[in-house]
Amino acid sequence: MKPGRKRRFLSFGPVCILPEYQKKGYGKKLMEYSFEKATALGYDVIVIFGHPGNYVGVGFKSCKKYNDPFLINNLISSFLITYLRV
């Protein structure tokens, strides 16, 4: 991300799947659909709070992994983020 560029952030979650439907790809499909809709609505970034193990498989990383002063200064490390547009 270029410093100083305004970004539109979206936050939602955590995403919950009933136990009998877990490990069948439904969570991943919901996240992929959410990424498509968020991009279509003009969002640049999704920030979600949750257990990293549930979200890293669809592209989320800890906010601290990005060398972005806004994220480091304003979001705690347990927030996960994915960029939809760079």
C-alpha atoms as a PDB file:
ATOM      1  CA  MET A   1       0.000   0.000   0.000  1.00  0.00           C
ATOM      2  CA  LYS A   2       1.221   3.450  -0.804  1.00  0.00           C
ATOM      3  CA  PRO A   3       1.653   5.678   2.262  1.00  0.00           C
ATOM      4  CA  GLY A   4      -0.982   8.391   2.498  1.00  0.00           C
ATOM      5  CA  ARG A   5      -3.469   6.629   0.231  1.00  0.00           C
ATOM      6  CA  LYS A   6      -6.977   6.525   1.656  1.00  0.00           C
ATOM      7  CA  ARG A   7      -8.371   3.032   2.067  1.00  0.00           C
ATOM      8  CA  ARG A   8     -11.862   1.770   2.693  1.00  0.00           C
ATOM      9  CA  PHE A   9     -11.888  -0.757   5.537  1.00  0.00           C
ATOM     10  CA  LEU A  10     -14.554  -3.363   6.197  1.00  0.00           C
ATOM     11  CA  SER A  11     -14.824  -5.458   9.322  1.00  0.00           C
ATOM     12  CA  PHE A  12     -17.085  -8.384  10.105  1.00  0.00           C
ATOM     13  CA  GLY A  13     -17.009 -11.681  11.897  1.00  0.00           C
ATOM     14  CA  PRO A  14     -16.123 -13.890  13.385  1.00  0.00           C
ATOM     15  CA  VAL A  15     -17.577 -16.334  10.899  1.00  0.00           C
ATOM     16  CA  CYS A  16     -19.242 -19.317  12.558  1.00  0.00           C
ATOM     17  CA  ILE A  17     -20.085 -22.664  10.993  1.00  0.00           C
ATOM     18  CA  LEU A  18     -22.221 -25.268  12.753  1.00  0.00           C
ATOM     19  CA  PRO A  19     -20.111 -28.212  13.903  1.00  0.00           C
ATOM     20  CA  GLU A  20     -21.789 -30.678  11.551  1.00  0.00           C
ATOM     21  CA  TYR A  21     -20.807 -28.481   8.571  1.00  0.00           C
ATOM     22  CA  GLN A  22     -17.229 -27.717   9.609  1.00  0.00           C
ATOM     23  CA  LYS A  23     -14.268 -29.024   7.574  1.00  0.00           C
ATOM     24  CA  LYS A  24     -16.428 -29.180   4.432  1.00  0.00           C
ATOM     25  CA  GLY A  25     -15.359 -25.916   2.811  1.00  0.00           C
ATOM     26  CA  TYR A  26     -18.373 -23.812   3.761  1.00  0.00           C
ATOM     27  CA  GLY A  27     -16.330 -21.293   5.756  1.00  0.00           C
ATOM     28  CA  LYS A  28     -13.907 -20.832   2.885  1.00  0.00           C
ATOM     29  CA  LYS A  29     -16.784 -20.357   0.433  1.00  0.00           C
ATOM     30  CA  LEU A  30     -18.372 -17.743   2.716  1.00  0.00           C
ATOM     31  CA  MET A  31     -15.078 -15.864   2.972  1.00  0.00           C
ATOM     32  CA  GLU A  32     -14.446 -15.965  -0.782  1.00  0.00           C
ATOM     33  CA  TYR A  33     -17.978 -14.681  -1.430  1.00  0.00           C
ATOM     34  CA  SER A  34     -17.416 -11.934   1.157  1.00  0.00           C
ATOM     35  CA  PHE A  35     -14.173 -10.898  -0.589  1.00  0.00           C
ATOM     36  CA  GLU A  36     -15.991 -10.681  -3.939  1.00  0.00           C
ATOM     37  CA  LYS A  37     -18.829  -8.584  -2.512  1.00  0.00           C
ATOM     38  CA  ALA A  38     -16.489  -6.316  -0.541  1.00  0.00           C
ATOM     39  CA  THR A  39     -14.394  -5.682  -3.657  1.00  0.00           C
ATOM     40  CA  ALA A  40     -17.526  -4.947  -5.704  1.00  0.00           C
ATOM     41  CA  LEU A  41     -18.634  -2.458  -3.031  1.00  0.00           C
ATOM     42  CA  GLY A  42     -15.296  -0.652  -3.252  1.00  0.00           C
ATOM     43  CA  TYR A  43     -13.561  -1.836  -0.076  1.00  0.00           C
ATOM     44  CA  ASP A  44      -9.774  -2.137  -0.099  1.00  0.00           C
ATOM     45  CA  VAL A  45      -9.129  -3.994   3.147  1.00  0.00           C
ATOM     46  CA  ILE A  46     -10.934  -6.438   5.440  1.00  0.00           C
ATOM     47  CA  VAL A  47     -10.030  -6.548   9.114  1.00  0.00           C
ATOM     48  CA  ILE A  48     -11.402  -9.365  11.224  1.00  0.00           C
ATOM     49  CA  PHE A  49     -10.933 -10.366  14.845  1.00  0.00           C
ATOM     50  CA  GLY A  50     -10.578 -14.076  15.385  1.00  0.00           C
ATOM     51  CA  HIS A  51      -8.405 -17.109  15.855  1.00  0.00           C
ATOM     52  CA  PRO A  52      -5.675 -16.995  13.186  1.00  0.00           C
ATOM     53  CA  GLY A  53      -6.038 -20.713  12.469  1.00  0.00           C
ATOM     54  CA  ASN A  54      -9.525 -20.063  11.135  1.00  0.00           C
ATOM     55  CA  TYR A  55      -8.545 -17.288   8.742  1.00  0.00           C
ATOM     56  CA  VAL A  56      -4.949 -17.624   7.511  1.00  0.00           C
ATOM     57  CA  GLY A  57      -6.023 -20.252   4.983  1.00  0.00           C
ATOM     58  CA  VAL A  58      -8.053 -17.637   3.119  1.00  0.00           C
ATOM     59  CA  GLY A  59      -5.355 -14.973   3.071  1.00  0.00           C
ATOM     60  CA  PHE A  60      -5.542 -13.181   6.406  1.00  0.00           C
ATOM     61  CA  LYS A  61      -2.377 -12.278   8.313  1.00  0.00           C
ATOM     62  CA  SER A  62      -1.754 -10.630  11.644  1.00  0.00           C
ATOM     63  CA  CYS A  63      -1.829  -6.848  11.309  1.00  0.00           C
ATOM     64  CA  LYS A  64       1.668  -6.756  12.778  1.00  0.00           C
ATOM     65  CA  LYS A  65       3.037  -8.659   9.765  1.00  0.00           C
ATOM     66  CA  TYR A  66       2.349  -5.673   7.529  1.00  0.00           C
ATOM     67  CA  ASN A  67       4.790  -2.820   7.813  1.00  0.00           C
ATOM     68  CA  ASP A  68       1.996  -0.273   7.879  1.00  0.00           C
ATOM     69  CA  PRO A  69       2.228   2.385  10.616  1.00  0.00           C
ATOM     70  CA  PHE A  70      -1.558   2.920  10.685  1.00  0.00           C
ATOM     71  CA  LEU A  71      -2.215  -0.763  11.304  1.00  0.00           C
ATOM     72  CA  ILE A  72       0.555  -1.166  13.864  1.00  0.00           C
ATOM     73  CA  ASN A  73      -0.499   1.938  15.802  1.00  0.00           C
ATOM     74  CA  ASN A  74      -4.256   1.481  15.632  1.00  0.00           C
ATOM     75  CA  LEU A  75      -5.013  -2.238  15.592  1.00  0.00           C
ATOM     76  CA  ILE A  76      -4.016  -4.841  18.139  1.00  0.00           C
ATOM     77  CA  SER A  77      -2.046  -7.870  16.986  1.00  0.00           C
ATOM     78  CA  SER A  78      -4.959 -10.301  17.294  1.00  0.00           C
ATOM     79  CA  PHE A  79      -6.723  -8.506  14.475  1.00  0.00           C
ATOM     80  CA  LEU A  80      -6.218 -10.199  11.134  1.00  0.00           C
ATOM     81  CA  ILE A  81      -6.185  -8.400   7.828  1.00  0.00           C
ATOM     82  CA  THR A  82      -6.321  -9.091   4.112  1.00  0.00           C
ATOM     83  CA  TYR A  83      -5.858  -6.577   1.327  1.00  0.00           C
ATOM     84  CA  LEU A  84      -8.396  -6.845  -1.471  1.00  0.00           C
ATOM     85  CA  ARG A  85      -6.609  -4.201  -3.540  1.00  0.00           C
ATOM     86  CA  VAL A  86      -3.057  -2.993  -3.267  1.00  0.00           C
END
